PDB file of N, CA and C in Angstrom:
ATOM      1  N   ALA A   1      -1.015   7.785 -16.748  1.00  0.00           N
ATOM      2  CA  ALA A   1       0.064   6.883 -16.390  1.00  0.00           C
ATOM      3  C   ALA A   1       0.396   6.978 -14.894  1.00  0.00           C
ATOM      4  N   LEU A   2       0.286   8.168 -14.324  1.00  0.00           N
ATOM      5  CA  LEU A   2       0.628   8.334 -12.909  1.00  0.00           C
ATOM      6  C   LEU A   2      -0.295   7.536 -11.984  1.00  0.00           C
ATOM      7  N   PRO A   3      -1.615   7.555 -12.181  1.00  0.00           N
ATOM      8  CA  PRO A   3      -2.474   6.758 -11.297  1.00  0.00           C
ATOM      9  C   PRO A   3      -2.120   5.263 -11.329  1.00  0.00           C
ATOM     10  N   HIS A   4      -1.791   4.749 -12.514  1.00  0.00           N
ATOM     11  CA  HIS A   4      -1.414   3.337 -12.626  1.00  0.00           C
ATOM     12  C   HIS A   4      -0.134   3.066 -11.837  1.00  0.00           C
ATOM     13  N   TRP A   5       0.847   3.939 -11.971  1.00  0.00           N
ATOM     14  CA  TRP A   5       2.118   3.775 -11.261  1.00  0.00           C
ATOM     15  C   TRP A   5       1.903   3.863  -9.748  1.00  0.00           C
ATOM     16  N   LEU A   6       1.106   4.830  -9.306  1.00  0.00           N
ATOM     17  CA  LEU A   6       0.839   4.977  -7.872  1.00  0.00           C
ATOM     18  C   LEU A   6       0.163   3.734  -7.303  1.00  0.00           C
ATOM     19  N   ASN A   7      -0.783   3.175  -8.056  1.00  0.00           N
ATOM     20  CA  ASN A   7      -1.458   1.964  -7.605  1.00  0.00           C
ATOM     21  C   ASN A   7      -0.447   0.830  -7.446  1.00  0.00           C
ATOM     22  N   HIS A   8       0.408   0.660  -8.432  1.00  0.00           N
ATOM     23  CA  HIS A   8       1.426  -0.390  -8.349  1.00  0.00           C
ATOM     24  C   HIS A   8       2.368  -0.127  -7.176  1.00  0.00           C
ATOM     25  N   TYR A   9       2.846   1.088  -7.054  1.00  0.00           N
ATOM     26  CA  TYR A   9       3.830   1.441  -6.029  1.00  0.00           C
ATOM     27  C   TYR A   9       3.296   1.197  -4.621  1.00  0.00           C
ATOM     28  N   ASN A  10       2.049   1.529  -4.386  1.00  0.00           N
ATOM     29  CA  ASN A  10       1.478   1.433  -3.042  1.00  0.00           C
ATOM     30  C   ASN A  10       0.749   0.132  -2.741  1.00  0.00           C
ATOM     31  N   ARG A  11       0.215  -0.541  -3.760  1.00  0.00           N
ATOM     32  CA  ARG A  11      -0.664  -1.679  -3.505  1.00  0.00           C
ATOM     33  C   ARG A  11      -0.137  -3.035  -3.951  1.00  0.00           C
ATOM     34  N   THR A  12       0.733  -3.087  -4.944  1.00  0.00           N
ATOM     35  CA  THR A  12       1.153  -4.399  -5.445  1.00  0.00           C
ATOM     36  C   THR A  12       2.651  -4.627  -5.414  1.00  0.00           C
ATOM     37  N   ARG A  13       3.438  -3.592  -5.293  1.00  0.00           N
ATOM     38  CA  ARG A  13       4.901  -3.704  -5.320  1.00  0.00           C
ATOM     39  C   ARG A  13       5.400  -4.358  -4.033  1.00  0.00           C
ATOM     40  N   PRO A  14       6.106  -5.484  -4.145  1.00  0.00           N
ATOM     41  CA  PRO A  14       6.680  -6.074  -2.943  1.00  0.00           C
ATOM     42  C   PRO A  14       7.816  -5.204  -2.411  1.00  0.00           C
ATOM     43  N   HIS A  15       7.873  -5.034  -1.124  1.00  0.00           N
ATOM     44  CA  HIS A  15       8.881  -4.176  -0.507  1.00  0.00           C
ATOM     45  C   HIS A  15       9.752  -5.024   0.413  1.00  0.00           C
ATOM     46  N   SER A  16      11.056  -4.985   0.198  1.00  0.00           N
ATOM     47  CA  SER A  16      11.962  -5.870   0.939  1.00  0.00           C
ATOM     48  C   SER A  16      11.935  -5.622   2.448  1.00  0.00           C
ATOM     49  N   SER A  17      11.811  -4.379   2.886  1.00  0.00           N
ATOM     50  CA  SER A  17      11.814  -4.119   4.331  1.00  0.00           C
ATOM     51  C   SER A  17      10.499  -4.510   5.001  1.00  0.00           C
ATOM     52  N   LEU A  18       9.483  -4.819   4.206  1.00  0.00           N
ATOM     53  CA  LEU A  18       8.196  -5.251   4.758  1.00  0.00           C
ATOM     54  C   LEU A  18       7.994  -6.750   4.558  1.00  0.00           C
ATOM     55  N   GLY A  19       9.067  -7.464   4.317  1.00  0.00           N
ATOM     56  CA  GLY A  19       8.970  -8.907   4.134  1.00  0.00           C
ATOM     57  C   GLY A  19       8.269  -9.297   2.855  1.00  0.00           C
ATOM     58  N   GLY A  20       8.410  -8.481   1.824  1.00  0.00           N
ATOM     59  CA  GLY A  20       7.790  -8.774   0.541  1.00  0.00           C
ATOM     60  C   GLY A  20       6.354  -8.302   0.418  1.00  0.00           C
ATOM     61  N   GLN A  21       5.838  -7.650   1.457  1.00  0.00           N
ATOM     62  CA  GLN A  21       4.466  -7.139   1.434  1.00  0.00           C
ATOM     63  C   GLN A  21       4.438  -5.749   0.804  1.00  0.00           C
ATOM     64  N   PRO A  22       3.326  -5.370   0.171  1.00  0.00           N
ATOM     65  CA  PRO A  22       3.215  -4.022  -0.380  1.00  0.00           C
ATOM     66  C   PRO A  22       3.018  -3.000   0.738  1.00  0.00           C
ATOM     67  N   PRO A  23       3.372  -1.744   0.502  1.00  0.00           N
ATOM     68  CA  PRO A  23       3.221  -0.712   1.526  1.00  0.00           C
ATOM     69  C   PRO A  23       1.795  -0.594   2.082  1.00  0.00           C
ATOM     70  N   ILE A  24       0.784  -0.813   1.256  1.00  0.00           N
ATOM     71  CA  ILE A  24      -0.599  -0.667   1.720  1.00  0.00           C
ATOM     72  C   ILE A  24      -0.913  -1.642   2.854  1.00  0.00           C
ATOM     73  N   SER A  25      -0.164  -2.732   2.943  1.00  0.00           N
ATOM     74  CA  SER A  25      -0.418  -3.704   4.011  1.00  0.00           C
ATOM     75  C   SER A  25      -0.110  -3.131   5.392  1.00  0.00           C
ATOM     76  N   ARG A  26       0.613  -2.036   5.468  1.00  0.00           N
ATOM     77  CA  ARG A  26       0.965  -1.403   6.739  1.00  0.00           C
ATOM     78  C   ARG A  26      -0.012  -0.291   7.127  1.00  0.00           C
ATOM     79  N   VAL A  27      -0.944   0.019   6.247  1.00  0.00           N
ATOM     80  CA  VAL A  27      -1.891   1.109   6.492  1.00  0.00           C
ATOM     81  C   VAL A  27      -3.189   0.531   7.037  1.00  0.00           C
ATOM     82  N   HIS A  28      -3.663   1.077   8.139  1.00  0.00           N
ATOM     83  CA  HIS A  28      -4.903   0.613   8.757  1.00  0.00           C
ATOM     84  C   HIS A  28      -5.827   1.803   9.008  1.00  0.00           C
ATOM     85  N   ASN A  29      -7.101   1.620   8.760  1.00  0.00           N
ATOM     86  CA  ASN A  29      -8.121   2.620   9.072  1.00  0.00           C
ATOM     87  C   ASN A  29      -7.826   3.982   8.444  1.00  0.00           C
ATOM     88  N   VAL A  30      -7.553   3.988   7.153  1.00  0.00           N
ATOM     89  CA  VAL A  30      -7.201   5.223   6.455  1.00  0.00           C
ATOM     90  C   VAL A  30      -8.330   6.246   6.508  1.00  0.00           C
ATOM     91  N   ARG A  31      -9.544   5.804   6.337  1.00  0.00           N
ATOM     92  CA  ARG A  31     -10.676   6.732   6.282  1.00  0.00           C
ATOM     93  C   ARG A  31     -11.295   7.002   7.648  1.00  0.00           C
ATOM     94  N   GLY A  32     -10.737   6.446   8.699  1.00  0.00           N
ATOM     95  CA  GLY A  32     -11.270   6.676  10.033  1.00  0.00           C
ATOM     96  C   GLY A  32     -12.606   6.015  10.269  1.00  0.00           C
ATOM     97  N   GLN A  33     -12.866   4.912   9.581  1.00  0.00           N
ATOM     98  CA  GLN A  33     -14.162   4.252   9.693  1.00  0.00           C
ATOM     99  C   GLN A  33     -14.232   3.262  10.844  1.00  0.00           C
ATOM    100  N   ASP A  34     -13.099   2.884  11.399  1.00  0.00           N
ATOM    101  CA  ASP A  34     -13.121   1.972  12.540  1.00  0.00           C
ATOM    102  C   ASP A  34     -13.328   2.769  13.823  1.00  0.00           C
ATOM    103  N   SER A  35     -14.015   2.177  14.763  1.00  0.00           N
ATOM    104  CA  SER A  35     -14.225   2.888  16.027  1.00  0.00           C
ATOM    105  C   SER A  35     -13.187   2.501  17.042  1.00  0.00           C
TER     106      SER A  35
END
């Protein structure tokens, strides 16, 4: 149940302070793959 909740919380849940965007929309280059 926790992995499902975490996915929703970080990837699909609209966040009012982000203009309705999910938190993941603010994360860039998490794995350091961009140069």
